[in-house]
Protein backbone atom coordinates (compact mmCIF):
# COMPACT_ATOMS: atom_id res chain seq x y z
CA MET A 1 74.49 -170.82 -66.67
CA ASP A 2 71.11 -171.70 -66.57
CA LEU A 3 68.31 -170.33 -64.30
CA ALA A 4 69.24 -173.21 -61.79
CA TYR A 5 72.20 -172.71 -61.79
CA LEU A 6 71.98 -168.91 -61.59
CA ARG A 7 69.25 -169.06 -58.86
CA ALA A 8 72.25 -171.41 -56.48
CA HIS A 9 74.85 -169.28 -57.64
CA PRO A 10 73.69 -165.70 -58.26
CA GLU A 11 77.31 -164.61 -56.89
CA HIS A 12 78.50 -166.00 -59.99
CA LEU A 13 76.53 -163.53 -62.60
CA PRO A 14 79.41 -160.92 -62.73
CA THR A 15 81.93 -163.11 -63.38
CA PHE A 16 80.28 -164.70 -66.36
CA LEU A 17 79.33 -160.98 -67.75
CA THR A 18 82.65 -160.16 -67.18
CA HIS A 19 84.17 -163.11 -69.55
CA GLN A 20 80.95 -162.65 -71.90
CA ARG A 21 79.98 -166.15 -71.30
CA ILE A 22 75.95 -164.87 -71.43
CA ARG A 23 74.49 -163.35 -74.32
CA GLU A 24 74.01 -159.27 -73.20
CA THR A 25 71.39 -157.36 -75.02
CA PRO A 26 71.39 -153.88 -74.19
CA VAL A 27 67.99 -152.13 -72.99
CA SER A 28 66.79 -148.81 -73.27
CA GLY A 29 64.62 -146.85 -71.32
CA GLY A 30 66.39 -146.19 -68.29
CA ASP A 31 67.32 -142.88 -66.50
CA ILE A 32 69.20 -143.81 -63.70
CA CYS A 33 70.43 -147.47 -64.59
CA ALA A 34 72.24 -149.02 -67.50
CA ALA A 35 69.76 -151.98 -68.27
CA SER A 36 70.26 -155.16 -70.52
CA ARG A 37 68.67 -158.96 -71.65
CA LEU A 38 70.44 -162.13 -70.67
CA THR A 39 69.64 -164.89 -72.27
CA LEU A 40 71.18 -167.76 -70.38
CA ASP A 41 72.02 -171.49 -71.98
CA ASP A 42 68.76 -172.92 -71.01
CA GLY A 43 67.11 -169.75 -73.50
CA HIS A 44 66.09 -167.93 -70.49
CA SER A 45 65.91 -164.29 -70.56
CA VAL A 46 66.41 -162.45 -67.13
CA PHE A 47 66.63 -158.49 -66.87
CA ALA A 48 69.65 -156.99 -65.20
CA LYS A 49 70.51 -153.47 -64.15
CA THR A 50 73.61 -151.99 -63.07
CA TRP A 51 75.20 -149.08 -62.09
CA PRO A 52 76.65 -147.24 -65.22
CA GLU A 53 80.41 -146.86 -65.33
CA ARG A 54 80.35 -143.07 -66.26
CA ALA A 55 77.25 -142.27 -63.79
CA ALA A 56 77.59 -138.67 -62.39
CA ARG A 57 77.30 -139.71 -59.02
CA PRO A 58 78.69 -143.09 -57.43
CA LEU A 59 76.37 -146.28 -56.69
CA PRO A 60 74.43 -145.30 -53.41
CA GLU A 61 75.26 -147.86 -50.78
CA GLY A 62 71.93 -150.24 -50.20
CA PHE A 63 70.72 -148.93 -53.93
CA PHE A 64 70.13 -152.67 -55.47
CA ALA A 65 68.93 -154.15 -51.88
CA ALA A 66 66.18 -151.46 -51.28
CA GLU A 67 64.96 -152.43 -54.64
CA ALA A 68 65.09 -155.79 -54.26
CA ALA A 69 63.55 -155.39 -50.81
CA GLY A 70 60.48 -153.54 -52.35
CA LEU A 71 59.95 -155.64 -55.06
CA ARG A 72 59.59 -158.85 -53.00
CA TRP A 73 57.62 -157.19 -50.31
CA LEU A 74 55.07 -156.35 -53.76
CA ARG A 75 55.43 -159.57 -54.91
CA GLU A 76 54.52 -161.15 -51.74
CA ALA A 77 51.14 -159.49 -51.70
CA GLY A 78 49.86 -161.03 -54.49
CA PRO A 79 47.57 -159.36 -56.79
CA VAL A 80 49.77 -157.47 -59.04
CA PRO A 81 52.47 -158.99 -61.15
CA VAL A 82 55.95 -158.22 -59.93
CA PRO A 83 59.38 -159.65 -61.49
CA ASP A 84 61.03 -162.51 -59.56
CA VAL A 85 64.22 -161.14 -57.33
CA LEU A 86 67.03 -163.50 -59.00
CA VAL A 87 70.14 -162.02 -58.03
CA ALA A 88 70.59 -158.78 -55.69
CA LEU A 89 74.13 -158.00 -55.57
CA PRO A 90 75.58 -154.65 -54.11
CA ASP A 91 76.59 -153.49 -57.51
CA LEU A 92 73.56 -155.71 -59.61
CA LEU A 93 70.09 -156.71 -59.73
CA ALA A 94 68.95 -159.16 -61.80
CA LEU A 95 64.70 -160.46 -62.44
CA ASP A 96 62.69 -162.41 -64.47
CA TRP A 97 62.30 -161.23 -67.90
CA VAL A 98 58.58 -159.83 -68.82
CA GLU A 99 58.09 -160.10 -72.36
CA PRO A 100 56.82 -156.81 -73.34
CA GLY A 101 53.32 -156.36 -75.36
CA GLU A 102 50.60 -153.81 -76.18
CA PRO A 103 48.34 -151.94 -73.86
CA THR A 104 44.46 -152.77 -74.08
CA PRO A 105 41.44 -152.14 -71.95
CA GLU A 106 41.23 -155.20 -70.56
CA ALA A 107 44.74 -155.44 -69.39
CA ALA A 108 44.26 -151.95 -67.86
CA GLU A 109 40.81 -152.93 -65.82
CA ALA A 110 42.43 -156.02 -64.62
CA PHE A 111 45.51 -153.64 -63.20
CA GLY A 112 43.02 -151.09 -61.51
CA ARG A 113 41.36 -153.97 -60.01
CA ASP A 114 44.67 -155.88 -58.43
CA LEU A 115 46.32 -152.15 -57.90
CA ALA A 116 43.53 -151.89 -55.55
CA GLY A 117 43.91 -155.49 -53.80
CA LEU A 118 47.44 -154.31 -53.38
CA HIS A 119 46.98 -151.13 -51.67
CA ARG A 120 44.70 -153.85 -49.47
CA ALA A 121 47.18 -155.59 -48.36
CA GLY A 122 48.33 -152.57 -46.16
CA ALA A 123 51.27 -151.82 -44.17
CA PRO A 124 52.34 -151.59 -40.41
CA ALA A 125 53.40 -148.09 -40.86
CA TYR A 126 53.93 -145.10 -43.22
CA GLY A 127 57.57 -145.98 -44.37
CA ALA A 128 58.83 -149.39 -44.54
CA ASP A 129 61.84 -151.92 -42.71
CA TRP A 130 64.47 -150.97 -45.28
CA PRO A 131 66.18 -147.48 -46.33
CA GLY A 132 64.31 -146.18 -49.75
CA PHE A 133 65.57 -144.74 -52.56
CA ILE A 134 63.67 -142.72 -55.08
CA GLY A 135 65.66 -142.46 -58.36
CA ALA A 136 69.36 -141.89 -57.36
CA LEU A 137 68.27 -140.17 -54.15
CA PRO A 138 67.43 -141.22 -50.96
CA GLN A 139 63.98 -141.65 -49.39
CA ASP A 140 63.39 -142.07 -45.56
CA ASN A 141 61.23 -144.63 -44.86
CA THR A 142 62.00 -144.89 -40.96
CA PRO A 143 58.53 -146.39 -39.81
CA ASP A 144 56.05 -143.64 -38.51
CA PRO A 145 52.51 -144.62 -37.20
CA GLY A 146 51.39 -140.83 -38.49
CA PRO A 147 49.14 -139.30 -38.81
CA TRP A 148 49.74 -139.44 -42.50
CA PRO A 149 49.29 -135.27 -43.43
CA ASP A 150 52.15 -135.22 -41.06
CA TRP A 151 54.29 -137.83 -42.59
CA PHE A 152 53.88 -136.94 -45.83
CA ALA A 153 54.83 -133.53 -45.20
CA ARG A 154 58.36 -134.22 -42.93
CA ARG A 155 59.20 -137.25 -45.30
CA ARG A 156 57.87 -136.71 -48.87
CA LEU A 157 57.74 -133.06 -49.15
CA LEU A 158 60.41 -130.98 -47.39
CA PRO A 159 63.37 -133.01 -48.24
CA TYR A 160 63.01 -133.04 -51.93
CA LEU A 161 62.00 -129.20 -51.34
CA ARG A 162 65.35 -128.63 -49.74
CA MET A 163 67.09 -130.75 -52.59
CA SER A 164 65.17 -128.43 -55.15
CA VAL A 165 66.20 -125.00 -53.64
CA ASP A 166 69.69 -126.05 -52.57
CA GLY A 167 70.59 -127.23 -56.25
CA GLY A 168 69.43 -124.03 -57.89
CA ALA A 169 66.43 -125.74 -59.25
CA LEU A 170 63.92 -124.02 -57.27
CA ASP A 171 63.58 -120.33 -56.53
CA GLY A 172 61.94 -118.52 -53.52
CA ALA A 173 58.33 -117.98 -54.83
CA GLY A 174 58.22 -121.86 -55.90
CA ALA A 175 59.58 -123.01 -52.54
CA ALA A 176 57.32 -120.51 -50.76
CA LEU A 177 54.27 -122.33 -52.62
CA VAL A 178 55.57 -125.43 -51.51
CA GLU A 179 56.15 -124.44 -48.05
CA GLN A 180 52.34 -123.02 -48.23
CA VAL A 181 50.83 -126.63 -49.14
CA VAL A 182 52.96 -127.83 -45.91
CA GLU A 183 51.45 -125.32 -43.68
CA ARG A 184 47.77 -126.29 -44.30
CA ILE A 185 48.52 -130.31 -45.03
CA GLY A 186 46.17 -131.09 -42.17
CA GLU A 187 43.21 -129.01 -44.28
CA PHE A 188 42.79 -131.57 -47.14
CA GLY A 189 41.23 -134.92 -45.33
CA GLY A 190 40.90 -138.27 -46.47
CA ASP A 191 43.41 -139.51 -44.07
CA GLU A 192 43.58 -143.36 -44.24
CA GLN A 193 45.83 -146.51 -42.71
CA PRO A 194 48.66 -147.11 -44.04
CA ALA A 195 48.65 -148.95 -47.73
CA ARG A 196 51.40 -151.11 -49.34
CA LEU A 197 52.65 -148.69 -52.29
CA HIS A 198 54.60 -149.05 -55.37
CA GLY A 199 55.89 -145.39 -54.18
CA ASP A 200 57.04 -144.42 -58.07
CA LEU A 201 53.94 -145.33 -60.03
CA TRP A 202 55.09 -142.80 -63.03
CA PRO A 203 53.41 -144.53 -66.17
CA GLY A 204 57.12 -145.34 -67.51
CA ASN A 205 56.98 -147.63 -64.24
CA LEU A 206 54.38 -149.77 -65.74
CA LEU A 207 55.36 -152.82 -67.51
CA TRP A 208 52.71 -153.74 -70.28
CA GLY A 209 53.54 -157.49 -70.84
CA ALA A 210 52.27 -159.71 -73.95
CA ASP A 211 51.05 -162.22 -71.38
CA GLY A 212 48.17 -159.63 -71.26
CA ARG A 213 48.87 -158.32 -67.79
CA VAL A 214 50.47 -155.12 -66.35
CA TRP A 215 53.35 -155.31 -64.19
CA LEU A 216 55.13 -153.41 -61.73
CA VAL A 217 58.88 -152.53 -61.95
CA ASP A 218 61.15 -150.00 -60.53
CA PRO A 219 59.08 -149.51 -57.45
CA ALA A 220 60.45 -147.30 -54.14
CA ALA A 221 57.90 -149.48 -52.39
CA HIS A 222 56.56 -148.08 -48.81
CA GLY A 223 53.56 -147.64 -46.50
CA GLY A 224 51.53 -144.50 -47.36
CA HIS A 225 48.35 -142.95 -48.59
CA ARG A 226 46.92 -145.08 -51.65
CA GLU A 227 45.95 -142.22 -53.57
CA THR A 228 49.63 -141.30 -54.00
CA ASP A 229 49.97 -144.15 -56.60
CA LEU A 230 46.65 -143.16 -58.12
CA ALA A 231 48.07 -139.38 -58.40
CA GLN A 232 51.01 -140.54 -59.71
CA LEU A 233 50.02 -142.56 -62.60
CA ALA A 234 48.62 -139.67 -63.94
CA LEU A 235 51.50 -137.55 -64.35
CA PHE A 236 53.43 -136.78 -67.44
CA GLY A 237 50.44 -137.44 -69.73
CA GLY A 238 49.25 -140.84 -67.95
CA PRO A 239 49.08 -144.40 -69.28
CA PRO A 240 46.93 -145.63 -72.07
CA HIS A 241 43.70 -146.27 -70.49
CA LEU A 242 44.35 -144.41 -67.44
CA ASP A 243 40.14 -143.88 -66.90
CA ARG A 244 39.73 -147.48 -67.35
CA ILE A 245 42.29 -147.86 -64.46
CA THR A 246 40.44 -145.75 -62.36
CA ALA A 247 37.16 -146.70 -62.79
CA ALA A 248 37.63 -150.56 -61.86
CA TYR A 249 40.20 -149.37 -59.03
CA ARG A 250 37.28 -147.02 -57.70
CA GLU A 251 35.04 -150.10 -58.18
CA ALA A 252 37.25 -152.37 -56.47
CA TRP A 253 37.65 -150.24 -53.47
CA PRO A 254 36.04 -146.75 -53.42
CA LEU A 255 38.20 -143.52 -52.85
CA ALA A 256 37.39 -141.06 -50.08
CA ASP A 257 35.24 -138.05 -50.75
CA GLY A 258 37.51 -134.99 -52.17
CA TRP A 259 40.01 -137.57 -53.87
CA ARG A 260 40.23 -135.61 -56.94
CA GLU A 261 41.43 -132.22 -55.25
CA ARG A 262 44.23 -134.10 -53.52
CA VAL A 263 45.79 -135.26 -56.44
CA PRO A 264 48.05 -132.35 -56.72
CA LEU A 265 48.86 -132.69 -53.22
CA HIS A 266 49.97 -136.26 -53.87
CA GLN A 267 51.87 -135.41 -57.13
CA LEU A 268 53.80 -132.74 -55.43
CA HIS A 269 56.20 -135.76 -53.98
CA LEU A 270 57.19 -136.87 -57.24
CA LEU A 271 57.69 -133.49 -59.31
CA LEU A 272 59.96 -132.17 -56.40
CA VAL A 273 61.87 -135.13 -56.46
CA HIS A 274 62.09 -134.52 -60.36
CA THR A 275 62.95 -130.76 -59.63
CA ALA A 276 66.09 -132.64 -57.05
CA ILE A 277 67.20 -134.95 -59.45
CA PHE A 278 66.79 -133.39 -63.27
CA GLY A 279 66.74 -129.52 -62.54
CA ALA A 280 64.81 -126.85 -62.97
CA ALA A 281 63.07 -127.90 -66.26
CA TYR A 282 60.14 -128.93 -63.70
CA ALA A 283 60.26 -126.33 -61.77
CA ASP A 284 57.05 -124.87 -63.03
CA ALA A 285 55.18 -127.92 -62.87
CA VAL A 286 56.41 -127.71 -59.02
CA ARG A 287 54.73 -124.16 -59.02
CA SER A 288 51.52 -125.28 -60.36
CA THR A 289 50.80 -128.15 -59.14
CA ALA A 290 51.37 -126.56 -55.44
CA ARG A 291 48.88 -123.75 -56.79
CA ALA A 292 46.17 -126.41 -57.60
CA ALA A 293 46.97 -128.37 -54.67
CA LEU A 294 46.22 -124.57 -52.80
CA ARG A 295 42.74 -124.61 -53.89
CA GLY A 296 42.15 -128.17 -52.75
CA PRO A 297 41.52 -127.57 -49.31
CA ASP A 298 38.58 -125.41 -49.96
CA ARG A 299 36.85 -127.90 -52.33
CA ALA A 300 38.05 -131.23 -50.58
CA THR A 301 34.31 -131.64 -48.98
CA VAL A 302 33.07 -132.45 -52.57
CA GLU A 303 32.41 -135.81 -53.30
CA GLY A 304 34.69 -137.56 -55.49
């Protein structure tokens, strides 16, 4: 099987894999899916994702279709490189391989500018035209005209707060802090028109390529607030050269006053997703981030 055959007959890929007619090398790094590098007969490399056979939960219906839709939507916008979707089957996703490289300040600055361009491409509404997932959890992408604070509370904070509480990962005191953020969410300011977001932009979903560019992978793409992508990028220690990324972004498209004070608000979504998936290990981060967010409305008029 070569690349041309794969593009023409994507449905044949599982059969070739089952009969070991393609060289397959495991790839580490994913928390949800099993990943591998496939080497085709013409030497072309492909990145493939499947649902692990021994996963704790079954493959959600539409999981890989949602990721493929998000990748295509981000890719069509142009500025930030996104791997091409080669195969999107119910139980398998295959993308063009991106050779990993080393982070550089130059790549970081180019990525900051390109991310601003991606966000400027916009979205017709908050949400998306396809059902969403973040990690293995469903994400309600029902298109919504906003305003953004109400949408963010209803579709990105409260659902994962409920999951975290119901799963025993977050106690009553922690839940009360998040509920206070929701009650005051209209005080944060910074409302904007929907931007085209990656939606799960923690540093592990940046791929520093050997071509000197920064690629976007594993999206939970949708229309949202552009500050959300930037805030998520700063989680878990941030990527290399985060200051260069942020400065280049702000030069290309300045952020609204008070953006620094809104960072914890935007980070709460992904942290609640982590408590819902991985449990109480992230509960302290949720509590401290909610407290920081609650300090934000009182300072949100300070220029960023």
